[in-house]
Amino acid sequence: MSALQGVFSIVGAIARRIVEPVIQLVVLHVGFAFQYKKKQKKLEVEIKNLEEQRKQIEEKVDEAITRGEEVDEPVSNWLAEVEERVQKIKDDNTINENM
């Protein structure tokens, strides 16, 4: 083996030790980004469903109030909590998208 072949052999071994972890890291990052987008889409669908349920409940509450009925405290609390959580998630998603 010539000296040049020996140098190429050493350089090749060093390159493999450097390149392989970098490739693994890139694959991991791409996988994470794909999963993140998939989970974010699922979250968006669930938020939309929750908002639709909230709207239906609010309509029923409005009808009950129009009839002079009182709204139970758990119902009012649920509506307030849903509004708060949905807004927080939307705010968090806006921050994450900007990052």
PDB file of N, CA and C in Angstrom:
ATOM      1  N   MET A   1       0.855  -1.160   0.000  1.00  0.00           N
ATOM      2  CA  MET A   1       0.000   0.000   0.000  1.00  0.00           C
ATOM      3  C   MET A   1       0.909   1.232   0.000  1.00  0.00           C
ATOM      4  N   SER A   2       0.580   2.125  -0.879  1.00  0.00           N
ATOM      5  CA  SER A   2       1.397   3.334  -0.965  1.00  0.00           C
ATOM      6  C   SER A   2       0.988   4.310   0.131  1.00  0.00           C
ATOM      7  N   ALA A   3       1.805   5.309   0.319  1.00  0.00           N
ATOM      8  CA  ALA A   3       1.537   6.314   1.347  1.00  0.00           C
ATOM      9  C   ALA A   3       0.244   7.057   1.039  1.00  0.00           C
ATOM     10  N   LEU A   4       0.002   7.310  -0.251  1.00  0.00           N
ATOM     11  CA  LEU A   4      -1.205   8.023  -0.665  1.00  0.00           C
ATOM     12  C   LEU A   4      -2.455   7.197  -0.353  1.00  0.00           C
ATOM     13  N   GLN A   5      -2.384   5.904  -0.602  1.00  0.00           N
ATOM     14  CA  GLN A   5      -3.514   5.032  -0.284  1.00  0.00           C
ATOM     15  C   GLN A   5      -3.761   5.009   1.224  1.00  0.00           C
ATOM     16  N   GLY A   6      -2.699   5.024   1.989  1.00  0.00           N
ATOM     17  CA  GLY A   6      -2.820   5.036   3.446  1.00  0.00           C
ATOM     18  C   GLY A   6      -3.494   6.311   3.930  1.00  0.00           C
ATOM     19  N   VAL A   7      -3.132   7.433   3.323  1.00  0.00           N
ATOM     20  CA  VAL A   7      -3.741   8.716   3.703  1.00  0.00           C
ATOM     21  C   VAL A   7      -5.234   8.688   3.356  1.00  0.00           C
ATOM     22  N   PHE A   8      -5.561   8.208   2.137  1.00  0.00           N
ATOM     23  CA  PHE A   8      -6.972   8.129   1.732  1.00  0.00           C
ATOM     24  C   PHE A   8      -7.759   7.193   2.648  1.00  0.00           C
ATOM     25  N   SER A   9      -7.116   6.124   3.074  1.00  0.00           N
ATOM     26  CA  SER A   9      -7.776   5.185   3.979  1.00  0.00           C
ATOM     27  C   SER A   9      -8.095   5.849   5.320  1.00  0.00           C
ATOM     28  N   ILE A  10      -7.153   6.606   5.849  1.00  0.00           N
ATOM     29  CA  ILE A  10      -7.353   7.307   7.124  1.00  0.00           C
ATOM     30  C   ILE A  10      -8.414   8.389   6.972  1.00  0.00           C
ATOM     31  N   VAL A  11      -8.309   9.167   5.893  1.00  0.00           N
ATOM     32  CA  VAL A  11      -9.287  10.235   5.636  1.00  0.00           C
ATOM     33  C   VAL A  11     -10.679   9.635   5.474  1.00  0.00           C
ATOM     34  N   GLY A  12     -10.762   8.518   4.777  1.00  0.00           N
ATOM     35  CA  GLY A  12     -12.054   7.851   4.586  1.00  0.00           C
ATOM     36  C   GLY A  12     -12.652   7.390   5.906  1.00  0.00           C
ATOM     37  N   ALA A  13     -11.830   6.837   6.770  1.00  0.00           N
ATOM     38  CA  ALA A  13     -12.310   6.375   8.075  1.00  0.00           C
ATOM     39  C   ALA A  13     -12.787   7.550   8.921  1.00  0.00           C
ATOM     40  N   ILE A  14     -12.039   8.643   8.890  1.00  0.00           N
ATOM     41  CA  ILE A  14     -12.441   9.836   9.646  1.00  0.00           C
ATOM     42  C   ILE A  14     -13.735  10.406   9.084  1.00  0.00           C
ATOM     43  N   ALA A  15     -13.820  10.474   7.770  1.00  0.00           N
ATOM     44  CA  ALA A  15     -15.024  11.025   7.127  1.00  0.00           C
ATOM     45  C   ALA A  15     -16.250  10.190   7.489  1.00  0.00           C
ATOM     46  N   ARG A  16     -16.124   8.874   7.481  1.00  0.00           N
ATOM     47  CA  ARG A  16     -17.263   8.011   7.844  1.00  0.00           C
ATOM     48  C   ARG A  16     -17.714   8.281   9.272  1.00  0.00           C
ATOM     49  N   ARG A  17     -16.772   8.464  10.163  1.00  0.00           N
ATOM     50  CA  ARG A  17     -17.119   8.718  11.568  1.00  0.00           C
ATOM     51  C   ARG A  17     -17.782  10.080  11.756  1.00  0.00           C
ATOM     52  N   ILE A  18     -17.501  11.004  10.880  1.00  0.00           N
ATOM     53  CA  ILE A  18     -18.110  12.328  10.972  1.00  0.00           C
ATOM     54  C   ILE A  18     -19.428  12.370  10.201  1.00  0.00           C
ATOM     55  N   VAL A  19     -19.440  11.826   9.005  1.00  0.00           N
ATOM     56  CA  VAL A  19     -20.596  11.933   8.120  1.00  0.00           C
ATOM     57  C   VAL A  19     -21.767  11.081   8.611  1.00  0.00           C
ATOM     58  N   GLU A  20     -21.513   9.875   9.059  1.00  0.00           N
ATOM     59  CA  GLU A  20     -22.606   8.993   9.484  1.00  0.00           C
ATOM     60  C   GLU A  20     -23.456   9.600  10.601  1.00  0.00           C
ATOM     61  N   PRO A  21     -22.863  10.150  11.674  1.00  0.00           N
ATOM     62  CA  PRO A  21     -23.706  10.783  12.702  1.00  0.00           C
ATOM     63  C   PRO A  21     -24.473  11.998  12.169  1.00  0.00           C
ATOM     64  N   VAL A  22     -23.852  12.740  11.264  1.00  0.00           N
ATOM     65  CA  VAL A  22     -24.537  13.898  10.679  1.00  0.00           C
ATOM     66  C   VAL A  22     -25.743  13.433   9.873  1.00  0.00           C
ATOM     67  N   ILE A  23     -25.569  12.395   9.090  1.00  0.00           N
ATOM     68  CA  ILE A  23     -26.688  11.855   8.302  1.00  0.00           C
ATOM     69  C   ILE A  23     -27.794  11.363   9.225  1.00  0.00           C
ATOM     70  N   GLN A  24     -27.432  10.659  10.293  1.00  0.00           N
ATOM     71  CA  GLN A  24     -28.431  10.184  11.247  1.00  0.00           C
ATOM     72  C   GLN A  24     -29.177  11.349  11.881  1.00  0.00           C
ATOM     73  N   LEU A  25     -28.461  12.410  12.200  1.00  0.00           N
ATOM     74  CA  LEU A  25     -29.081  13.595  12.789  1.00  0.00           C
ATOM     75  C   LEU A  25     -30.044  14.258  11.807  1.00  0.00           C
ATOM     76  N   VAL A  26     -29.647  14.343  10.552  1.00  0.00           N
ATOM     77  CA  VAL A  26     -30.516  14.933   9.522  1.00  0.00           C
ATOM     78  C   VAL A  26     -31.772  14.090   9.356  1.00  0.00           C
ATOM     79  N   VAL A  27     -31.633  12.782   9.305  1.00  0.00           N
ATOM     80  CA  VAL A  27     -32.793  11.896   9.166  1.00  0.00           C
ATOM     81  C   VAL A  27     -33.710  12.039  10.372  1.00  0.00           C
ATOM     82  N   LEU A  28     -33.146  12.115  11.551  1.00  0.00           N
ATOM     83  CA  LEU A  28     -33.925  12.297  12.772  1.00  0.00           C
ATOM     84  C   LEU A  28     -34.683  13.621  12.729  1.00  0.00           C
ATOM     85  N   HIS A  29     -34.001  14.674  12.306  1.00  0.00           N
ATOM     86  CA  HIS A  29     -34.623  16.005  12.226  1.00  0.00           C
ATOM     87  C   HIS A  29     -35.764  16.019  11.209  1.00  0.00           C
ATOM     88  N   VAL A  30     -35.564  15.413  10.052  1.00  0.00           N
ATOM     89  CA  VAL A  30     -36.614  15.357   9.027  1.00  0.00           C
ATOM     90  C   VAL A  30     -37.800  14.565   9.561  1.00  0.00           C
ATOM     91  N   GLY A  31     -37.539  13.460  10.234  1.00  0.00           N
ATOM     92  CA  GLY A  31     -38.616  12.664  10.828  1.00  0.00           C
ATOM     93  C   GLY A  31     -39.384  13.453  11.866  1.00  0.00           C
ATOM     94  N   PHE A  32     -38.664  14.191  12.697  1.00  0.00           N
ATOM     95  CA  PHE A  32     -39.311  15.017  13.716  1.00  0.00           C
ATOM     96  C   PHE A  32     -40.183  16.080  13.064  1.00  0.00           C
ATOM     97  N   ALA A  33     -39.653  16.746  12.042  1.00  0.00           N
ATOM     98  CA  ALA A  33     -40.411  17.802  11.363  1.00  0.00           C
ATOM     99  C   ALA A  33     -41.678  17.227  10.728  1.00  0.00           C
ATOM    100  N   PHE A  34     -41.577  16.052  10.127  1.00  0.00           N
ATOM    101  CA  PHE A  34     -42.740  15.418   9.514  1.00  0.00           C
ATOM    102  C   PHE A  34     -43.782  15.073  10.570  1.00  0.00           C
ATOM    103  N   GLN A  35     -43.341  14.476  11.678  1.00  0.00           N
ATOM    104  CA  GLN A  35     -44.265  14.122  12.752  1.00  0.00           C
ATOM    105  C   GLN A  35     -44.888  15.368  13.363  1.00  0.00           C
ATOM    106  N   TYR A  36     -44.106  16.427  13.510  1.00  0.00           N
ATOM    107  CA  TYR A  36     -44.608  17.677  14.071  1.00  0.00           C
ATOM    108  C   TYR A  36     -45.740  18.228  13.207  1.00  0.00           C
ATOM    109  N   LYS A  37     -45.514  18.257  11.897  1.00  0.00           N
ATOM    110  CA  LYS A  37     -46.541  18.771  10.982  1.00  0.00           C
ATOM    111  C   LYS A  37     -47.799  17.903  11.044  1.00  0.00           C
ATOM    112  N   LYS A  38     -47.610  16.606  11.104  1.00  0.00           N
ATOM    113  CA  LYS A  38     -48.739  15.673  11.171  1.00  0.00           C
ATOM    114  C   LYS A  38     -49.542  15.896  12.458  1.00  0.00           C
ATOM    115  N   LYS A  39     -48.846  16.039  13.569  1.00  0.00           N
ATOM    116  CA  LYS A  39     -49.522  16.256  14.855  1.00  0.00           C
ATOM    117  C   LYS A  39     -50.184  17.627  14.898  1.00  0.00           C
ATOM    118  N   GLN A  40     -49.561  18.615  14.275  1.00  0.00           N
ATOM    119  CA  GLN A  40     -50.147  19.947  14.251  1.00  0.00           C
ATOM    120  C   GLN A  40     -51.440  19.949  13.433  1.00  0.00           C
ATOM    121  N   LYS A  41     -51.453  19.226  12.318  1.00  0.00           N
ATOM    122  CA  LYS A  41     -52.677  19.122  11.509  1.00  0.00           C
ATOM    123  C   LYS A  41     -53.788  18.458  12.316  1.00  0.00           C
ATOM    124  N   LYS A  42     -53.431  17.389  13.043  1.00  0.00           N
ATOM    125  CA  LYS A  42     -54.422  16.700  13.867  1.00  0.00           C
ATOM    126  C   LYS A  42     -54.961  17.634  14.945  1.00  0.00           C
ATOM    127  N   LEU A  43     -54.084  18.413  15.560  1.00  0.00           N
ATOM    128  CA  LEU A  43     -54.502  19.378  16.578  1.00  0.00           C
ATOM    129  C   LEU A  43     -55.457  20.406  15.973  1.00  0.00           C
ATOM    130  N   GLU A  44     -55.158  20.884  14.782  1.00  0.00           N
ATOM    131  CA  GLU A  44     -56.024  21.859  14.127  1.00  0.00           C
ATOM    132  C   GLU A  44     -57.425  21.288  13.889  1.00  0.00           C
ATOM    133  N   VAL A  45     -57.498  20.027  13.490  1.00  0.00           N
ATOM    134  CA  VAL A  45     -58.795  19.373  13.274  1.00  0.00           C
ATOM    135  C   VAL A  45     -59.553  19.258  14.596  1.00  0.00           C
ATOM    136  N   GLU A  46     -58.851  18.850  15.653  1.00  0.00           N
ATOM    137  CA  GLU A  46     -59.496  18.700  16.958  1.00  0.00           C
ATOM    138  C   GLU A  46     -59.970  20.050  17.508  1.00  0.00           C
ATOM    139  N   ILE A  47     -59.185  21.096  17.292  1.00  0.00           N
ATOM    140  CA  ILE A  47     -59.592  22.435  17.733  1.00  0.00           C
ATOM    141  C   ILE A  47     -60.845  22.869  16.978  1.00  0.00           C
ATOM    142  N   LYS A  48     -60.882  22.611  15.688  1.00  0.00           N
ATOM    143  CA  LYS A  48     -62.060  22.968  14.890  1.00  0.00           C
ATOM    144  C   LYS A  48     -63.292  22.223  15.401  1.00  0.00           C
ATOM    145  N   ASN A  49     -63.147  20.941  15.700  1.00  0.00           N
ATOM    146  CA  ASN A  49     -64.264  20.158  16.244  1.00  0.00           C
ATOM    147  C   ASN A  49     -64.729  20.721  17.585  1.00  0.00           C
ATOM    148  N   LEU A  50     -63.782  21.075  18.439  1.00  0.00           N
ATOM    149  CA  LEU A  50     -64.111  21.632  19.743  1.00  0.00           C
ATOM    150  C   LEU A  50     -64.834  22.967  19.597  1.00  0.00           C
ATOM    151  N   GLU A  51     -64.365  23.792  18.665  1.00  0.00           N
ATOM    152  CA  GLU A  51     -65.031  25.078  18.437  1.00  0.00           C
ATOM    153  C   GLU A  51     -66.463  24.889  17.921  1.00  0.00           C
ATOM    154  N   GLU A  52     -66.672  23.887  17.091  1.00  0.00           N
ATOM    155  CA  GLU A  52     -68.025  23.594  16.605  1.00  0.00           C
ATOM    156  C   GLU A  52     -68.928  23.146  17.752  1.00  0.00           C
ATOM    157  N   GLN A  53     -68.393  22.297  18.634  1.00  0.00           N
ATOM    158  CA  GLN A  53     -69.166  21.867  19.805  1.00  0.00           C
ATOM    159  C   GLN A  53     -69.490  23.057  20.701  1.00  0.00           C
ATOM    160  N   ARG A  54     -68.510  23.924  20.908  1.00  0.00           N
ATOM    161  CA  ARG A  54     -68.727  25.110  21.727  1.00  0.00           C
ATOM    162  C   ARG A  54     -69.834  25.984  21.118  1.00  0.00           C
ATOM    163  N   LYS A  55     -69.804  26.144  19.828  1.00  0.00           N
ATOM    164  CA  LYS A  55     -70.817  26.964  19.154  1.00  0.00           C
ATOM    165  C   LYS A  55     -72.212  26.361  19.356  1.00  0.00           C
ATOM    166  N   GLN A  56     -72.325  25.053  19.226  1.00  0.00           N
ATOM    167  CA  GLN A  56     -73.616  24.392  19.431  1.00  0.00           C
ATOM    168  C   GLN A  56     -74.106  24.575  20.860  1.00  0.00           C
ATOM    169  N   ILE A  57     -73.216  24.425  21.819  1.00  0.00           N
ATOM    170  CA  ILE A  57     -73.582  24.594  23.230  1.00  0.00           C
ATOM    171  C   ILE A  57     -74.001  26.044  23.489  1.00  0.00           C
ATOM    172  N   GLU A  58     -73.240  26.994  22.929  1.00  0.00           N
ATOM    173  CA  GLU A  58     -73.581  28.407  23.108  1.00  0.00           C
ATOM    174  C   GLU A  58     -74.970  28.726  22.538  1.00  0.00           C
ATOM    175  N   GLU A  59     -75.298  28.128  21.412  1.00  0.00           N
ATOM    176  CA  GLU A  59     -76.623  28.338  20.823  1.00  0.00           C
ATOM    177  C   GLU A  59     -77.716  27.805  21.747  1.00  0.00           C
ATOM    178  N   LYS A  60     -77.479  26.639  22.319  1.00  0.00           N
ATOM    179  CA  LYS A  60     -78.460  26.065  23.252  1.00  0.00           C
ATOM    180  C   LYS A  60     -78.576  26.916  24.513  1.00  0.00           C
ATOM    181  N   VAL A  61     -77.437  27.433  24.983  1.00  0.00           N
ATOM    182  CA  VAL A  61     -77.451  28.303  26.160  1.00  0.00           C
ATOM    183  C   VAL A  61     -78.248  29.570  25.851  1.00  0.00           C
ATOM    184  N   ASP A  62     -78.003  30.153  24.688  1.00  0.00           N
ATOM    185  CA  ASP A  62     -78.735  31.364  24.293  1.00  0.00           C
ATOM    186  C   ASP A  62     -80.243  31.100  24.222  1.00  0.00           C
ATOM    187  N   GLU A  63     -80.619  29.948  23.683  1.00  0.00           N
ATOM    188  CA  GLU A  63     -82.038  29.589  23.618  1.00  0.00           C
ATOM    189  C   GLU A  63     -82.620  29.448  25.022  1.00  0.00           C
ATOM    190  N   ALA A  64     -81.873  28.830  25.912  1.00  0.00           N
ATOM    191  CA  ALA A  64     -82.344  28.633  27.283  1.00  0.00           C
ATOM    192  C   ALA A  64     -82.505  29.983  27.987  1.00  0.00           C
ATOM    193  N   ILE A  65     -81.552  30.876  27.777  1.00  0.00           N
ATOM    194  CA  ILE A  65     -81.634  32.206  28.390  1.00  0.00           C
ATOM    195  C   ILE A  65     -82.844  32.959  27.843  1.00  0.00           C
ATOM    196  N   THR A  66     -83.089  32.834  26.551  1.00  0.00           N
ATOM    197  CA  THR A  66     -84.249  33.488  25.934  1.00  0.00           C
ATOM    198  C   THR A  66     -85.554  32.991  26.556  1.00  0.00           C
ATOM    199  N   ARG A  67     -85.588  31.714  26.908  1.00  0.00           N
ATOM    200  CA  ARG A  67     -86.783  31.139  27.545  1.00  0.00           C
ATOM    201  C   ARG A  67     -86.851  31.474  29.035  1.00  0.00           C
ATOM    202  N   GLY A  68     -85.861  32.175  29.537  1.00  0.00           N
ATOM    203  CA  GLY A  68     -85.868  32.567  30.949  1.00  0.00           C
ATOM    204  C   GLY A  68     -85.250  31.527  31.870  1.00  0.00           C
ATOM    205  N   GLU A  69     -84.576  30.555  31.321  1.00  0.00           N
ATOM    206  CA  GLU A  69     -83.945  29.511  32.136  1.00  0.00           C
ATOM    207  C   GLU A  69     -82.560  29.966  32.584  1.00  0.00           C
ATOM    208  N   GLU A  70     -82.135  29.406  33.695  1.00  0.00           N
ATOM    209  CA  GLU A  70     -80.790  29.690  34.183  1.00  0.00           C
ATOM    210  C   GLU A  70     -79.819  28.662  33.611  1.00  0.00           C
ATOM    211  N   VAL A  71     -78.618  29.110  33.379  1.00  0.00           N
ATOM    212  CA  VAL A  71     -77.569  28.221  32.862  1.00  0.00           C
ATOM    213  C   VAL A  71     -76.778  27.683  34.052  1.00  0.00           C
ATOM    214  N   ASP A  72     -76.629  26.362  34.086  1.00  0.00           N
ATOM    215  CA  ASP A  72     -75.877  25.743  35.176  1.00  0.00           C
ATOM    216  C   ASP A  72     -74.427  26.212  35.154  1.00  0.00           C
ATOM    217  N   GLU A  73     -73.863  26.328  36.340  1.00  0.00           N
ATOM    218  CA  GLU A  73     -72.487  26.805  36.467  1.00  0.00           C
ATOM    219  C   GLU A  73     -71.478  25.922  35.722  1.00  0.00           C
ATOM    220  N   PRO A  74     -71.605  24.581  35.787  1.00  0.00           N
ATOM    221  CA  PRO A  74     -70.641  23.752  35.032  1.00  0.00           C
ATOM    222  C   PRO A  74     -70.647  24.051  33.532  1.00  0.00           C
ATOM    223  N   VAL A  75     -71.807  24.392  32.988  1.00  0.00           N
ATOM    224  CA  VAL A  75     -71.895  24.705  31.562  1.00  0.00           C
ATOM    225  C   VAL A  75     -71.152  26.009  31.281  1.00  0.00           C
ATOM    226  N   SER A  76     -71.394  27.013  32.091  1.00  0.00           N
ATOM    227  CA  SER A  76     -70.704  28.301  31.926  1.00  0.00           C
ATOM    228  C   SER A  76     -69.197  28.140  32.091  1.00  0.00           C
ATOM    229  N   ASN A  77     -68.804  27.351  33.082  1.00  0.00           N
ATOM    230  CA  ASN A  77     -67.377  27.105  33.313  1.00  0.00           C
ATOM    231  C   ASN A  77     -66.734  26.399  32.124  1.00  0.00           C
ATOM    232  N   TRP A  78     -67.450  25.401  31.552  1.00  0.00           N
ATOM    233  CA  TRP A  78     -66.924  24.655  30.407  1.00  0.00           C
ATOM    234  C   TRP A  78     -66.723  25.584  29.217  1.00  0.00           C
ATOM    235  N   LEU A  79     -67.718  26.429  28.955  1.00  0.00           N
ATOM    236  CA  LEU A  79     -67.608  27.361  27.840  1.00  0.00           C
ATOM    237  C   LEU A  79     -66.418  28.309  28.019  1.00  0.00           C
ATOM    238  N   ALA A  80     -66.240  28.810  29.221  1.00  0.00           N
ATOM    239  CA  ALA A  80     -65.126  29.725  29.491  1.00  0.00           C
ATOM    240  C   ALA A  80     -63.783  29.008  29.348  1.00  0.00           C
ATOM    241  N   GLU A  81     -63.721  27.781  29.857  1.00  0.00           N
ATOM    242  CA  GLU A  81     -62.474  27.021  29.785  1.00  0.00           C
ATOM    243  C   GLU A  81     -62.119  26.684  28.340  1.00  0.00           C
ATOM    244  N   VAL A  82     -63.115  26.297  27.560  1.00  0.00           N
ATOM    245  CA  VAL A  82     -62.867  25.985  26.154  1.00  0.00           C
ATOM    246  C   VAL A  82     -62.330  27.224  25.438  1.00  0.00           C
ATOM    247  N   GLU A  83     -62.966  28.364  25.657  1.00  0.00           N
ATOM    248  CA  GLU A  83     -62.520  29.605  25.016  1.00  0.00           C
ATOM    249  C   GLU A  83     -61.076  29.918  25.393  1.00  0.00           C
ATOM    250  N   GLU A  84     -60.753  29.782  26.673  1.00  0.00           N
ATOM    251  CA  GLU A  84     -59.404  30.079  27.153  1.00  0.00           C
ATOM    252  C   GLU A  84     -58.373  29.137  26.548  1.00  0.00           C
ATOM    253  N   ARG A  85     -58.674  27.846  26.555  1.00  0.00           N
ATOM    254  CA  ARG A  85     -57.714  26.858  26.035  1.00  0.00           C
ATOM    255  C   ARG A  85     -57.520  26.983  24.533  1.00  0.00           C
ATOM    256  N   VAL A  86     -58.602  27.189  23.804  1.00  0.00           N
ATOM    257  CA  VAL A  86     -58.490  27.334  22.355  1.00  0.00           C
ATOM    258  C   VAL A  86     -57.631  28.553  22.023  1.00  0.00           C
ATOM    259  N   GLN A  87     -57.852  29.644  22.716  1.00  0.00           N
ATOM    260  CA  GLN A  87     -57.061  30.850  22.457  1.00  0.00           C
ATOM    261  C   GLN A  87     -55.589  30.621  22.777  1.00  0.00           C
ATOM    262  N   LYS A  88     -55.309  29.921  23.879  1.00  0.00           N
ATOM    263  CA  LYS A  88     -53.918  29.645  24.255  1.00  0.00           C
ATOM    264  C   LYS A  88     -53.243  28.775  23.202  1.00  0.00           C
ATOM    265  N   ILE A  89     -53.944  27.760  22.734  1.00  0.00           N
ATOM    266  CA  ILE A  89     -53.368  26.877  21.710  1.00  0.00           C
ATOM    267  C   ILE A  89     -53.110  27.649  20.425  1.00  0.00           C
ATOM    268  N   LYS A  90     -54.047  28.500  20.043  1.00  0.00           N
ATOM    269  CA  LYS A  90     -53.843  29.299  18.833  1.00  0.00           C
ATOM    270  C   LYS A  90     -52.660  30.248  18.998  1.00  0.00           C
ATOM    271  N   ASP A  91     -52.537  30.855  20.165  1.00  0.00           N
ATOM    272  CA  ASP A  91     -51.398  31.737  20.427  1.00  0.00           C
ATOM    273  C   ASP A  91     -50.085  30.963  20.372  1.00  0.00           C
ATOM    274  N   ASP A  92     -50.064  29.776  20.996  1.00  0.00           N
ATOM    275  CA  ASP A  92     -48.865  28.947  20.992  1.00  0.00           C
ATOM    276  C   ASP A  92     -48.500  28.519  19.567  1.00  0.00           C
ATOM    277  N   ASN A  93     -49.507  28.158  18.769  1.00  0.00           N
ATOM    278  CA  ASN A  93     -49.248  27.759  17.384  1.00  0.00           C
ATOM    279  C   ASN A  93     -48.695  28.925  16.579  1.00  0.00           C
ATOM    280  N   THR A  94     -49.184  30.127  16.818  1.00  0.00           N
ATOM    281  CA  THR A  94     -48.665  31.294  16.117  1.00  0.00           C
ATOM    282  C   THR A  94     -47.202  31.513  16.466  1.00  0.00           C
ATOM    283  N   ILE A  95     -46.870  31.385  17.732  1.00  0.00           N
ATOM    284  CA  ILE A  95     -45.478  31.525  18.167  1.00  0.00           C
ATOM    285  C   ILE A  95     -44.608  30.457  17.510  1.00  0.00           C
ATOM    286  N   ASN A  96     -45.082  29.201  17.526  1.00  0.00           N
ATOM    287  CA  ASN A  96     -44.314  28.099  16.950  1.00  0.00           C
ATOM    288  C   ASN A  96     -44.117  28.266  15.451  1.00  0.00           C
ATOM    289  N   GLU A  97     -45.143  28.736  14.753  1.00  0.00           N
ATOM    290  CA  GLU A  97     -45.021  28.938  13.309  1.00  0.00           C
ATOM    291  C   GLU A  97     -44.019  30.040  13.007  1.00  0.00           C
ATOM    292  N   ASN A  98     -43.996  31.069  13.828  1.00  0.00           N
ATOM    293  CA  ASN A  98     -43.049  32.164  13.604  1.00  0.00           C
ATOM    294  C   ASN A  98     -41.616  31.744  13.893  1.00  0.00           C
ATOM    295  N   MET A  99     -41.452  30.769  14.762  1.00  0.00           N
ATOM    296  CA  MET A  99     -40.100  30.287  15.062  1.00  0.00           C
ATOM    297  C   MET A  99     -39.594  29.483  13.897  1.00  0.00           C
TER     298      MET A  99
END
